[in-house]
Amino acid sequence: MSDSKDYVSRSDELGNIHISEEVLAAISAAAALEVEGVSSLTNPSKKNSTRGIHVKLEEEKVVITMSVLMTYGHTIPEVGKAVQEAVKNAIESMSGLEVAAVNISVGGIVFPPKEQ
């Protein structure tokens, strides 16, 4: 996502609603991190946890692309599907926008610390 503020807009009977792409990315990050088996996002900075999440509007629908680190011992397809569903549900319920796709890349595996 660029440093410029981009907004996704929707109209209703009372006027227009503009939602920052940064807000949609933050919702996506929070939803993904709630899923068991997701350790973290792969590109977050300390200042902005939404770096590495890309939000695009295609034909009035939102497309989210993100990369996660998974915890060792979890099944990648199952966790990936759970992240897709969590992000889709969070975006749709909080913004009222329709989600066309949630593209997930697994950027790595995090191993738990060894017990001594």
PDB file of N, CA and C in Angstrom:
ATOM      1  N   MET A   1       0.835  -1.160   0.000  1.00  0.00           N
ATOM      2  CA  MET A   1       0.000   0.000   0.000  1.00  0.00           C
ATOM      3  C   MET A   1       0.885   1.230   0.000  1.00  0.00           C
ATOM      4  N   SER A   2       0.533   2.223  -0.767  1.00  0.00           N
ATOM      5  CA  SER A   2       1.347   3.425  -0.856  1.00  0.00           C
ATOM      6  C   SER A   2       1.092   4.330   0.336  1.00  0.00           C
ATOM      7  N   ASP A   3       1.952   5.362   0.477  1.00  0.00           N
ATOM      8  CA  ASP A   3       1.801   6.303   1.576  1.00  0.00           C
ATOM      9  C   ASP A   3       0.627   7.251   1.367  1.00  0.00           C
ATOM     10  N   SER A   4       0.177   7.414   0.119  1.00  0.00           N
ATOM     11  CA  SER A   4      -0.973   8.286  -0.115  1.00  0.00           C
ATOM     12  C   SER A   4      -2.240   7.588   0.371  1.00  0.00           C
ATOM     13  N   LYS A   5      -3.179   8.385   0.823  1.00  0.00           N
ATOM     14  CA  LYS A   5      -4.432   7.822   1.326  1.00  0.00           C
ATOM     15  C   LYS A   5      -5.356   7.505   0.164  1.00  0.00           C
ATOM     16  N   ASP A   6      -5.700   6.245   0.011  1.00  0.00           N
ATOM     17  CA  ASP A   6      -6.667   5.825  -0.989  1.00  0.00           C
ATOM     18  C   ASP A   6      -7.906   5.358  -0.239  1.00  0.00           C
ATOM     19  N   TYR A   7      -9.054   5.629  -0.827  1.00  0.00           N
ATOM     20  CA  TYR A   7     -10.313   5.304  -0.183  1.00  0.00           C
ATOM     21  C   TYR A   7     -11.172   4.442  -1.087  1.00  0.00           C
ATOM     22  N   VAL A   8     -11.922   3.559  -0.454  1.00  0.00           N
ATOM     23  CA  VAL A   8     -12.944   2.780  -1.127  1.00  0.00           C
ATOM     24  C   VAL A   8     -14.259   3.461  -0.765  1.00  0.00           C
ATOM     25  N   SER A   9     -15.061   3.765  -1.758  1.00  0.00           N
ATOM     26  CA  SER A   9     -16.296   4.505  -1.515  1.00  0.00           C
ATOM     27  C   SER A   9     -17.509   3.660  -1.827  1.00  0.00           C
ATOM     28  N   ARG A  10     -18.564   3.923  -1.079  1.00  0.00           N
ATOM     29  CA  ARG A  10     -19.854   3.293  -1.366  1.00  0.00           C
ATOM     30  C   ARG A  10     -20.937   4.312  -1.058  1.00  0.00           C
ATOM     31  N   SER A  11     -21.996   4.204  -1.785  1.00  0.00           N
ATOM     32  CA  SER A  11     -23.112   5.132  -1.612  1.00  0.00           C
ATOM     33  C   SER A  11     -24.274   4.433  -0.925  1.00  0.00           C
ATOM     34  N   ASP A  12     -24.990   5.187  -0.125  1.00  0.00           N
ATOM     35  CA  ASP A  12     -26.242   4.697   0.425  1.00  0.00           C
ATOM     36  C   ASP A  12     -27.266   5.817   0.318  1.00  0.00           C
ATOM     37  N   GLU A  13     -28.440   5.619   0.895  1.00  0.00           N
ATOM     38  CA  GLU A  13     -29.522   6.582   0.717  1.00  0.00           C
ATOM     39  C   GLU A  13     -29.227   7.939   1.362  1.00  0.00           C
ATOM     40  N   LEU A  14     -28.316   7.994   2.324  1.00  0.00           N
ATOM     41  CA  LEU A  14     -28.011   9.254   3.009  1.00  0.00           C
ATOM     42  C   LEU A  14     -26.783   9.971   2.460  1.00  0.00           C
ATOM     43  N   GLY A  15     -26.024   9.314   1.588  1.00  0.00           N
ATOM     44  CA  GLY A  15     -24.818   9.944   1.045  1.00  0.00           C
ATOM     45  C   GLY A  15     -23.742   8.921   0.762  1.00  0.00           C
ATOM     46  N   ASN A  16     -22.505   9.381   0.777  1.00  0.00           N
ATOM     47  CA  ASN A  16     -21.363   8.525   0.469  1.00  0.00           C
ATOM     48  C   ASN A  16     -20.579   8.179   1.728  1.00  0.00           C
ATOM     49  N   ILE A  17     -20.011   6.991   1.727  1.00  0.00           N
ATOM     50  CA  ILE A  17     -19.136   6.545   2.806  1.00  0.00           C
ATOM     51  C   ILE A  17     -17.791   6.231   2.168  1.00  0.00           C
ATOM     52  N   HIS A  18     -16.725   6.843   2.703  1.00  0.00           N
ATOM     53  CA  HIS A  18     -15.373   6.615   2.202  1.00  0.00           C
ATOM     54  C   HIS A  18     -14.587   5.885   3.289  1.00  0.00           C
ATOM     55  N   ILE A  19     -14.047   4.724   2.932  1.00  0.00           N
ATOM     56  CA  ILE A  19     -13.280   3.915   3.882  1.00  0.00           C
ATOM     57  C   ILE A  19     -11.852   3.843   3.373  1.00  0.00           C
ATOM     58  N   SER A  20     -10.915   4.248   4.202  1.00  0.00           N
ATOM     59  CA  SER A  20      -9.511   4.223   3.837  1.00  0.00           C
ATOM     60  C   SER A  20      -9.050   2.782   3.609  1.00  0.00           C
ATOM     61  N   GLU A  21      -8.197   2.596   2.606  1.00  0.00           N
ATOM     62  CA  GLU A  21      -7.630   1.266   2.366  1.00  0.00           C
ATOM     63  C   GLU A  21      -6.808   0.827   3.569  1.00  0.00           C
ATOM     64  N   GLU A  22      -6.237   1.775   4.302  1.00  0.00           N
ATOM     65  CA  GLU A  22      -5.492   1.456   5.507  1.00  0.00           C
ATOM     66  C   GLU A  22      -6.393   0.825   6.571  1.00  0.00           C
ATOM     67  N   VAL A  23      -7.621   1.302   6.656  1.00  0.00           N
ATOM     68  CA  VAL A  23      -8.585   0.744   7.610  1.00  0.00           C
ATOM     69  C   VAL A  23      -8.923  -0.695   7.212  1.00  0.00           C
ATOM     70  N   LEU A  24      -9.152  -0.930   5.928  1.00  0.00           N
ATOM     71  CA  LEU A  24      -9.450  -2.291   5.459  1.00  0.00           C
ATOM     72  C   LEU A  24      -8.257  -3.214   5.702  1.00  0.00           C
ATOM     73  N   ALA A  25      -7.039  -2.698   5.525  1.00  0.00           N
ATOM     74  CA  ALA A  25      -5.838  -3.494   5.786  1.00  0.00           C
ATOM     75  C   ALA A  25      -5.720  -3.809   7.274  1.00  0.00           C
ATOM     76  N   ALA A  26      -6.042  -2.852   8.128  1.00  0.00           N
ATOM     77  CA  ALA A  26      -5.980  -3.078   9.575  1.00  0.00           C
ATOM     78  C   ALA A  26      -7.001  -4.120  10.013  1.00  0.00           C
ATOM     79  N   ILE A  27      -8.199  -4.066   9.450  1.00  0.00           N
ATOM     80  CA  ILE A  27      -9.230  -5.070   9.743  1.00  0.00           C
ATOM     81  C   ILE A  27      -8.735  -6.450   9.309  1.00  0.00           C
ATOM     82  N   SER A  28      -8.125  -6.515   8.126  1.00  0.00           N
ATOM     83  CA  SER A  28      -7.602  -7.779   7.600  1.00  0.00           C
ATOM     84  C   SER A  28      -6.511  -8.338   8.502  1.00  0.00           C
ATOM     85  N   ALA A  29      -5.594  -7.472   8.936  1.00  0.00           N
ATOM     86  CA  ALA A  29      -4.495  -7.911   9.804  1.00  0.00           C
ATOM     87  C   ALA A  29      -5.032  -8.459  11.116  1.00  0.00           C
ATOM     88  N   ALA A  30      -5.958  -7.743  11.729  1.00  0.00           N
ATOM     89  CA  ALA A  30      -6.521  -8.184  13.006  1.00  0.00           C
ATOM     90  C   ALA A  30      -7.227  -9.530  12.865  1.00  0.00           C
ATOM     91  N   ALA A  31      -7.983  -9.683  11.782  1.00  0.00           N
ATOM     92  CA  ALA A  31      -8.711 -10.943  11.566  1.00  0.00           C
ATOM     93  C   ALA A  31      -7.745 -12.102  11.339  1.00  0.00           C
ATOM     94  N   ALA A  32      -6.709 -11.874  10.552  1.00  0.00           N
ATOM     95  CA  ALA A  32      -5.737 -12.936  10.253  1.00  0.00           C
ATOM     96  C   ALA A  32      -4.995 -13.374  11.517  1.00  0.00           C
ATOM     97  N   LEU A  33      -4.630 -12.419  12.353  1.00  0.00           N
ATOM     98  CA  LEU A  33      -3.868 -12.740  13.561  1.00  0.00           C
ATOM     99  C   LEU A  33      -4.701 -13.464  14.616  1.00  0.00           C
ATOM    100  N   GLU A  34      -6.028 -13.440  14.465  1.00  0.00           N
ATOM    101  CA  GLU A  34      -6.914 -14.163  15.377  1.00  0.00           C
ATOM    102  C   GLU A  34      -6.965 -15.660  15.067  1.00  0.00           C
ATOM    103  N   VAL A  35      -6.542 -16.047  13.876  1.00  0.00           N
ATOM    104  CA  VAL A  35      -6.644 -17.441  13.441  1.00  0.00           C
ATOM    105  C   VAL A  35      -5.540 -18.273  14.092  1.00  0.00           C
ATOM    106  N   GLU A  36      -5.942 -19.399  14.690  1.00  0.00           N
ATOM    107  CA  GLU A  36      -4.962 -20.295  15.302  1.00  0.00           C
ATOM    108  C   GLU A  36      -4.048 -20.847  14.220  1.00  0.00           C
ATOM    109  N   GLY A  37      -2.752 -20.787  14.462  1.00  0.00           N
ATOM    110  CA  GLY A  37      -1.776 -21.261  13.484  1.00  0.00           C
ATOM    111  C   GLY A  37      -1.079 -20.131  12.766  1.00  0.00           C
ATOM    112  N   VAL A  38      -1.601 -18.906  12.872  1.00  0.00           N
ATOM    113  CA  VAL A  38      -0.937 -17.746  12.282  1.00  0.00           C
ATOM    114  C   VAL A  38      -0.064 -17.129  13.361  1.00  0.00           C
ATOM    115  N   SER A  39       1.238 -17.068  13.089  1.00  0.00           N
ATOM    116  CA  SER A  39       2.181 -16.497  14.043  1.00  0.00           C
ATOM    117  C   SER A  39       2.233 -14.977  13.921  1.00  0.00           C
ATOM    118  N   SER A  40       2.347 -14.499  12.676  1.00  0.00           N
ATOM    119  CA  SER A  40       2.398 -13.057  12.432  1.00  0.00           C
ATOM    120  C   SER A  40       2.234 -12.801  10.942  1.00  0.00           C
ATOM    121  N   LEU A  41       2.203 -11.530  10.585  1.00  0.00           N
ATOM    122  CA  LEU A  41       2.241 -11.144   9.181  1.00  0.00           C
ATOM    123  C   LEU A  41       3.711 -11.096   8.793  1.00  0.00           C
ATOM    124  N   THR A  42       4.019 -11.290   7.518  1.00  0.00           N
ATOM    125  CA  THR A  42       5.428 -11.361   7.140  1.00  0.00           C
ATOM    126  C   THR A  42       6.096 -10.016   6.960  1.00  0.00           C
ATOM    127  N   ASN A  43       5.346  -8.960   6.669  1.00  0.00           N
ATOM    128  CA  ASN A  43       5.979  -7.677   6.400  1.00  0.00           C
ATOM    129  C   ASN A  43       5.592  -6.564   7.362  1.00  0.00           C
ATOM    130  N   PRO A  44       5.179  -6.850   8.580  1.00  0.00           N
ATOM    131  CA  PRO A  44       4.770  -5.720   9.412  1.00  0.00           C
ATOM    132  C   PRO A  44       5.976  -4.955   9.941  1.00  0.00           C
ATOM    133  N   SER A  45       5.828  -3.659  10.023  1.00  0.00           N
ATOM    134  CA  SER A  45       6.837  -2.851  10.691  1.00  0.00           C
ATOM    135  C   SER A  45       6.304  -2.537  12.075  1.00  0.00           C
ATOM    136  N   LYS A  46       7.152  -2.052  12.952  1.00  0.00           N
ATOM    137  CA  LYS A  46       6.688  -1.743  14.303  1.00  0.00           C
ATOM    138  C   LYS A  46       5.689  -0.599  14.296  1.00  0.00           C
ATOM    139  N   LYS A  47       5.842   0.324  13.350  1.00  0.00           N
ATOM    140  CA  LYS A  47       4.950   1.472  13.292  1.00  0.00           C
ATOM    141  C   LYS A  47       3.634   1.155  12.599  1.00  0.00           C
ATOM    142  N   ASN A  48       3.664   0.236  11.631  1.00  0.00           N
ATOM    143  CA  ASN A  48       2.464  -0.003  10.831  1.00  0.00           C
ATOM    144  C   ASN A  48       2.312  -1.488  10.582  1.00  0.00           C
ATOM    145  N   SER A  49       1.380  -2.114  11.283  1.00  0.00           N
ATOM    146  CA  SER A  49       1.185  -3.557  11.154  1.00  0.00           C
ATOM    147  C   SER A  49       0.487  -3.947   9.859  1.00  0.00           C
ATOM    148  N   THR A  50       0.081  -2.960   9.048  1.00  0.00           N
ATOM    149  CA  THR A  50      -0.634  -3.280   7.820  1.00  0.00           C
ATOM    150  C   THR A  50       0.277  -3.302   6.597  1.00  0.00           C
ATOM    151  N   ARG A  51       1.562  -3.019   6.763  1.00  0.00           N
ATOM    152  CA  ARG A  51       2.479  -3.108   5.624  1.00  0.00           C
ATOM    153  C   ARG A  51       2.492  -4.560   5.145  1.00  0.00           C
ATOM    154  N   GLY A  52       2.478  -4.748   3.860  1.00  0.00           N
ATOM    155  CA  GLY A  52       2.450  -6.092   3.320  1.00  0.00           C
ATOM    156  C   GLY A  52       1.049  -6.585   3.019  1.00  0.00           C
ATOM    157  N   ILE A  53       0.043  -5.813   3.384  1.00  0.00           N
ATOM    158  CA  ILE A  53      -1.333  -6.138   3.028  1.00  0.00           C
ATOM    159  C   ILE A  53      -1.753  -5.176   1.935  1.00  0.00           C
ATOM    160  N   HIS A  54      -2.180  -5.725   0.828  1.00  0.00           N
ATOM    161  CA  HIS A  54      -2.574  -4.902  -0.306  1.00  0.00           C
ATOM    162  C   HIS A  54      -4.084  -5.003  -0.498  1.00  0.00           C
ATOM    163  N   VAL A  55      -4.714  -3.851  -0.628  1.00  0.00           N
ATOM    164  CA  VAL A  55      -6.160  -3.761  -0.810  1.00  0.00           C
ATOM    165  C   VAL A  55      -6.404  -3.164  -2.185  1.00  0.00           C
ATOM    166  N   LYS A  56      -7.260  -3.830  -2.955  1.00  0.00           N
ATOM    167  CA  LYS A  56      -7.581  -3.343  -4.296  1.00  0.00           C
ATOM    168  C   LYS A  56      -9.087  -3.459  -4.506  1.00  0.00           C
ATOM    169  N   LEU A  57      -9.636  -2.496  -5.213  1.00  0.00           N
ATOM    170  CA  LEU A  57     -11.060  -2.528  -5.542  1.00  0.00           C
ATOM    171  C   LEU A  57     -11.191  -2.936  -7.004  1.00  0.00           C
ATOM    172  N   GLU A  58     -11.884  -4.049  -7.240  1.00  0.00           N
ATOM    173  CA  GLU A  58     -12.118  -4.542  -8.595  1.00  0.00           C
ATOM    174  C   GLU A  58     -13.615  -4.715  -8.801  1.00  0.00           C
ATOM    175  N   GLU A  59     -14.176  -3.939  -9.714  1.00  0.00           N
ATOM    176  CA  GLU A  59     -15.598  -4.035 -10.049  1.00  0.00           C
ATOM    177  C   GLU A  59     -16.478  -3.990  -8.808  1.00  0.00           C
ATOM    178  N   GLU A  60     -16.256  -2.980  -7.970  1.00  0.00           N
ATOM    179  CA  GLU A  60     -17.051  -2.751  -6.757  1.00  0.00           C
ATOM    180  C   GLU A  60     -16.874  -3.826  -5.690  1.00  0.00           C
ATOM    181  N   LYS A  61     -15.849  -4.657  -5.818  1.00  0.00           N
ATOM    182  CA  LYS A  61     -15.556  -5.673  -4.810  1.00  0.00           C
ATOM    183  C   LYS A  61     -14.114  -5.511  -4.351  1.00  0.00           C
ATOM    184  N   VAL A  62     -13.853  -5.872  -3.107  1.00  0.00           N
ATOM    185  CA  VAL A  62     -12.525  -5.725  -2.519  1.00  0.00           C
ATOM    186  C   VAL A  62     -11.720  -7.011  -2.714  1.00  0.00           C
ATOM    187  N   VAL A  63     -10.443  -6.841  -3.068  1.00  0.00           N
ATOM    188  CA  VAL A  63      -9.503  -7.961  -3.168  1.00  0.00           C
ATOM    189  C   VAL A  63      -8.374  -7.681  -2.180  1.00  0.00           C
ATOM    190  N   ILE A  64      -8.143  -8.610  -1.272  1.00  0.00           N
ATOM    191  CA  ILE A  64      -7.100  -8.494  -0.257  1.00  0.00           C
ATOM    192  C   ILE A  64      -5.991  -9.474  -0.591  1.00  0.00           C
ATOM    193  N   THR A  65      -4.746  -9.010  -0.552  1.00  0.00           N
ATOM    194  CA  THR A  65      -3.593  -9.879  -0.739  1.00  0.00           C
ATOM    195  C   THR A  65      -2.675  -9.683   0.460  1.00  0.00           C
ATOM    196  N   MET A  66      -2.322 -10.789   1.126  1.00  0.00           N
ATOM    197  CA  MET A  66      -1.481 -10.698   2.315  1.00  0.00           C
ATOM    198  C   MET A  66      -0.597 -11.921   2.455  1.00  0.00           C
ATOM    199  N   SER A  67       0.451 -11.776   3.258  1.00  0.00           N
ATOM    200  CA  SER A  67       1.385 -12.853   3.502  1.00  0.00           C
ATOM    201  C   SER A  67       1.512 -13.067   5.006  1.00  0.00           C
ATOM    202  N   VAL A  68       1.507 -14.332   5.427  1.00  0.00           N
ATOM    203  CA  VAL A  68       1.548 -14.661   6.853  1.00  0.00           C
ATOM    204  C   VAL A  68       2.680 -15.632   7.157  1.00  0.00           C
ATOM    205  N   LEU A  69       3.083 -15.650   8.424  1.00  0.00           N
ATOM    206  CA  LEU A  69       3.978 -16.672   8.941  1.00  0.00           C
ATOM    207  C   LEU A  69       3.127 -17.626   9.766  1.00  0.00           C
ATOM    208  N   MET A  70       3.308 -18.919   9.538  1.00  0.00           N
ATOM    209  CA  MET A  70       2.515 -19.913  10.249  1.00  0.00           C
ATOM    210  C   MET A  70       3.336 -20.576  11.340  1.00  0.00           C
ATOM    211  N   THR A  71       2.639 -21.068  12.347  1.00  0.00           N
ATOM    212  CA  THR A  71       3.268 -21.808  13.428  1.00  0.00           C
ATOM    213  C   THR A  71       3.438 -23.261  12.998  1.00  0.00           C
ATOM    214  N   TYR A  72       4.614 -23.817  13.246  1.00  0.00           N
ATOM    215  CA  TYR A  72       4.905 -25.206  12.904  1.00  0.00           C
ATOM    216  C   TYR A  72       3.884 -26.137  13.557  1.00  0.00           C
ATOM    217  N   GLY A  73       3.447 -27.138  12.791  1.00  0.00           N
ATOM    218  CA  GLY A  73       2.524 -28.134  13.319  1.00  0.00           C
ATOM    219  C   GLY A  73       1.099 -27.966  12.837  1.00  0.00           C
ATOM    220  N   HIS A  74       0.816 -26.879  12.156  1.00  0.00           N
ATOM    221  CA  HIS A  74      -0.516 -26.650  11.614  1.00  0.00           C
ATOM    222  C   HIS A  74      -0.540 -26.974  10.128  1.00  0.00           C
ATOM    223  N   THR A  75      -1.689 -27.377   9.635  1.00  0.00           N
ATOM    224  CA  THR A  75      -1.844 -27.726   8.225  1.00  0.00           C
ATOM    225  C   THR A  75      -2.033 -26.451   7.412  1.00  0.00           C
ATOM    226  N   ILE A  76      -1.143 -26.223   6.466  1.00  0.00           N
ATOM    227  CA  ILE A  76      -1.141 -24.979   5.697  1.00  0.00           C
ATOM    228  C   ILE A  76      -2.464 -24.723   4.977  1.00  0.00           C
ATOM    229  N   PRO A  77      -3.016 -25.683   4.224  1.00  0.00           N
ATOM    230  CA  PRO A  77      -4.289 -25.390   3.544  1.00  0.00           C
ATOM    231  C   PRO A  77      -5.433 -25.060   4.507  1.00  0.00           C
ATOM    232  N   GLU A  78      -5.482 -25.736   5.653  1.00  0.00           N
ATOM    233  CA  GLU A  78      -6.550 -25.475   6.621  1.00  0.00           C
ATOM    234  C   GLU A  78      -6.429 -24.081   7.230  1.00  0.00           C
ATOM    235  N   VAL A  79      -5.209 -23.691   7.604  1.00  0.00           N
ATOM    236  CA  VAL A  79      -4.995 -22.371   8.185  1.00  0.00           C
ATOM    237  C   VAL A  79      -5.239 -21.293   7.126  1.00  0.00           C
ATOM    238  N   GLY A  80      -4.774 -21.538   5.911  1.00  0.00           N
ATOM    239  CA  GLY A  80      -4.992 -20.580   4.826  1.00  0.00           C
ATOM    240  C   GLY A  80      -6.469 -20.338   4.581  1.00  0.00           C
ATOM    241  N   LYS A  81      -7.255 -21.403   4.548  1.00  0.00           N
ATOM    242  CA  LYS A  81      -8.703 -21.288   4.349  1.00  0.00           C
ATOM    243  C   LYS A  81      -9.355 -20.540   5.516  1.00  0.00           C
ATOM    244  N   ALA A  82      -8.908 -20.833   6.732  1.00  0.00           N
ATOM    245  CA  ALA A  82      -9.454 -20.159   7.907  1.00  0.00           C
ATOM    246  C   ALA A  82      -9.134 -18.665   7.878  1.00  0.00           C
ATOM    247  N   VAL A  83      -7.935 -18.308   7.427  1.00  0.00           N
ATOM    248  CA  VAL A  83      -7.569 -16.892   7.305  1.00  0.00           C
ATOM    249  C   VAL A  83      -8.445 -16.217   6.252  1.00  0.00           C
ATOM    250  N   GLN A  84      -8.626 -16.879   5.118  1.00  0.00           N
ATOM    251  CA  GLN A  84      -9.479 -16.314   4.068  1.00  0.00           C
ATOM    252  C   GLN A  84     -10.883 -16.034   4.586  1.00  0.00           C
ATOM    253  N   GLU A  85     -11.462 -16.994   5.278  1.00  0.00           N
ATOM    254  CA  GLU A  85     -12.819 -16.835   5.799  1.00  0.00           C
ATOM    255  C   GLU A  85     -12.885 -15.746   6.866  1.00  0.00           C
ATOM    256  N   ALA A  86     -11.894 -15.707   7.751  1.00  0.00           N
ATOM    257  CA  ALA A  86     -11.890 -14.705   8.825  1.00  0.00           C
ATOM    258  C   ALA A  86     -11.776 -13.294   8.257  1.00  0.00           C
ATOM    259  N   VAL A  87     -10.876 -13.109   7.296  1.00  0.00           N
ATOM    260  CA  VAL A  87     -10.682 -11.789   6.693  1.00  0.00           C
ATOM    261  C   VAL A  87     -11.935 -11.377   5.921  1.00  0.00           C
ATOM    262  N   LYS A  88     -12.476 -12.295   5.128  1.00  0.00           N
ATOM    263  CA  LYS A  88     -13.685 -11.994   4.345  1.00  0.00           C
ATOM    264  C   LYS A  88     -14.837 -11.592   5.265  1.00  0.00           C
ATOM    265  N   ASN A  89     -15.075 -12.373   6.314  1.00  0.00           N
ATOM    266  CA  ASN A  89     -16.173 -12.081   7.244  1.00  0.00           C
ATOM    267  C   ASN A  89     -15.967 -10.746   7.962  1.00  0.00           C
ATOM    268  N   ALA A  90     -14.736 -10.469   8.368  1.00  0.00           N
ATOM    269  CA  ALA A  90     -14.451  -9.223   9.085  1.00  0.00           C
ATOM    270  C   ALA A  90     -14.667  -8.009   8.187  1.00  0.00           C
ATOM    271  N   ILE A  91     -14.149  -8.056   6.970  1.00  0.00           N
ATOM    272  CA  ILE A  91     -14.298  -6.923   6.038  1.00  0.00           C
ATOM    273  C   ILE A  91     -15.772  -6.709   5.715  1.00  0.00           C
ATOM    274  N   GLU A  92     -16.477  -7.774   5.387  1.00  0.00           N
ATOM    275  CA  GLU A  92     -17.880  -7.633   4.993  1.00  0.00           C
ATOM    276  C   GLU A  92     -18.751  -7.155   6.154  1.00  0.00           C
ATOM    277  N   SER A  93     -18.504  -7.669   7.359  1.00  0.00           N
ATOM    278  CA  SER A  93     -19.352  -7.267   8.480  1.00  0.00           C
ATOM    279  C   SER A  93     -19.036  -5.859   8.973  1.00  0.00           C
ATOM    280  N   MET A  94     -17.784  -5.442   8.917  1.00  0.00           N
ATOM    281  CA  MET A  94     -17.418  -4.135   9.449  1.00  0.00           C
ATOM    282  C   MET A  94     -17.577  -3.003   8.431  1.00  0.00           C
ATOM    283  N   SER A  95     -17.426  -3.308   7.140  1.00  0.00           N
ATOM    284  CA  SER A  95     -17.467  -2.230   6.137  1.00  0.00           C
ATOM    285  C   SER A  95     -18.706  -2.279   5.253  1.00  0.00           C
ATOM    286  N   GLY A  96     -19.340  -3.435   5.179  1.00  0.00           N
ATOM    287  CA  GLY A  96     -20.482  -3.574   4.280  1.00  0.00           C
ATOM    288  C   GLY A  96     -20.070  -3.767   2.829  1.00  0.00           C
ATOM    289  N   LEU A  97     -18.771  -3.839   2.569  1.00  0.00           N
ATOM    290  CA  LEU A  97     -18.272  -4.055   1.213  1.00  0.00           C
ATOM    291  C   LEU A  97     -18.208  -5.547   0.927  1.00  0.00           C
ATOM    292  N   GLU A  98     -18.365  -5.906  -0.336  1.00  0.00           N
ATOM    293  CA  GLU A  98     -18.275  -7.305  -0.731  1.00  0.00           C
ATOM    294  C   GLU A  98     -16.823  -7.649  -1.032  1.00  0.00           C
ATOM    295  N   VAL A  99     -16.376  -8.813  -0.569  1.00  0.00           N
ATOM    296  CA  VAL A  99     -15.009  -9.264  -0.798  1.00  0.00           C
ATOM    297  C   VAL A  99     -15.019 -10.279  -1.933  1.00  0.00           C
ATOM    298  N   ALA A 100     -14.261  -9.980  -2.986  1.00  0.00           N
ATOM    299  CA  ALA A 100     -14.172 -10.885  -4.130  1.00  0.00           C
ATOM    300  C   ALA A 100     -13.156 -11.994  -3.880  1.00  0.00           C
ATOM    301  N   ALA A 101     -12.034 -11.647  -3.224  1.00  0.00           N
ATOM    302  CA  ALA A 101     -10.984 -12.637  -2.996  1.00  0.00           C
ATOM    303  C   ALA A 101     -10.095 -12.214  -1.837  1.00  0.00           C
ATOM    304  N   VAL A 102      -9.566 -13.219  -1.139  1.00  0.00           N
ATOM    305  CA  VAL A 102      -8.531 -13.005  -0.125  1.00  0.00           C
ATOM    306  C   VAL A 102      -7.394 -13.938  -0.514  1.00  0.00           C
ATOM    307  N   ASN A 103      -6.318 -13.357  -1.026  1.00  0.00           N
ATOM    308  CA  ASN A 103      -5.167 -14.128  -1.488  1.00  0.00           C
ATOM    309  C   ASN A 103      -4.131 -14.195  -0.373  1.00  0.00           C
ATOM    310  N   ILE A 104      -3.786 -15.414   0.030  1.00  0.00           N
ATOM    311  CA  ILE A 104      -2.867 -15.636   1.143  1.00  0.00           C
ATOM    312  C   ILE A 104      -1.590 -16.281   0.622  1.00  0.00           C
ATOM    313  N   SER A 105      -0.455 -15.732   1.033  1.00  0.00           N
ATOM    314  CA  SER A 105       0.843 -16.360   0.778  1.00  0.00           C
ATOM    315  C   SER A 105       1.427 -16.742   2.123  1.00  0.00           C
ATOM    316  N   VAL A 106       1.948 -17.951   2.214  1.00  0.00           N
ATOM    317  CA  VAL A 106       2.628 -18.365   3.437  1.00  0.00           C
ATOM    318  C   VAL A 106       4.103 -18.065   3.226  1.00  0.00           C
ATOM    319  N   GLY A 107       4.603 -17.079   3.956  1.00  0.00           N
ATOM    320  CA  GLY A 107       5.971 -16.611   3.788  1.00  0.00           C
ATOM    321  C   GLY A 107       6.983 -17.373   4.606  1.00  0.00           C
ATOM    322  N   GLY A 108       6.527 -18.232   5.513  1.00  0.00           N
ATOM    323  CA  GLY A 108       7.461 -18.994   6.328  1.00  0.00           C
ATOM    324  C   GLY A 108       6.759 -19.712   7.459  1.00  0.00           C
ATOM    325  N   ILE A 109       7.565 -20.508   8.163  1.00  0.00           N
ATOM    326  CA  ILE A 109       7.080 -21.284   9.302  1.00  0.00           C
ATOM    327  C   ILE A 109       7.870 -20.852  10.528  1.00  0.00           C
ATOM    328  N   VAL A 110       7.176 -20.648  11.638  1.00  0.00           N
ATOM    329  CA  VAL A 110       7.815 -20.280  12.894  1.00  0.00           C
ATOM    330  C   VAL A 110       7.811 -21.507  13.788  1.00  0.00           C
ATOM    331  N   PHE A 111       8.993 -21.872  14.279  1.00  0.00           N
ATOM    332  CA  PHE A 111       9.113 -23.035  15.144  1.00  0.00           C
ATOM    333  C   PHE A 111       9.031 -22.588  16.591  1.00  0.00           C
ATOM    334  N   PRO A 112       8.338 -23.364  17.429  1.00  0.00           N
ATOM    335  CA  PRO A 112       8.262 -22.997  18.852  1.00  0.00           C
ATOM    336  C   PRO A 112       9.646 -23.145  19.496  1.00  0.00           C
ATOM    337  N   PRO A 113       9.903 -22.400  20.553  1.00  0.00           N
ATOM    338  CA  PRO A 113      11.209 -22.520  21.232  1.00  0.00           C
ATOM    339  C   PRO A 113      11.364 -23.925  21.819  1.00  0.00           C
ATOM    340  N   LYS A 114      12.592 -24.414  21.791  1.00  0.00           N
ATOM    341  CA  LYS A 114      12.869 -25.746  22.352  1.00  0.00           C
ATOM    342  C   LYS A 114      12.844 -25.692  23.863  1.00  0.00           C
ATOM    343  N   GLU A 115      12.231 -26.728  24.434  1.00  0.00           N
ATOM    344  CA  GLU A 115      12.205 -26.819  25.897  1.00  0.00           C
ATOM    345  C   GLU A 115      13.511 -27.419  26.365  1.00  0.00           C
ATOM    346  N   GLN A 116      14.012 -26.916  27.485  1.00  0.00           N
ATOM    347  CA  GLN A 116      15.295 -27.417  27.990  1.00  0.00           C
ATOM    348  C   GLN A 116      15.119 -28.269  29.208  1.00  0.00           C
TER     349      GLN A 116
END
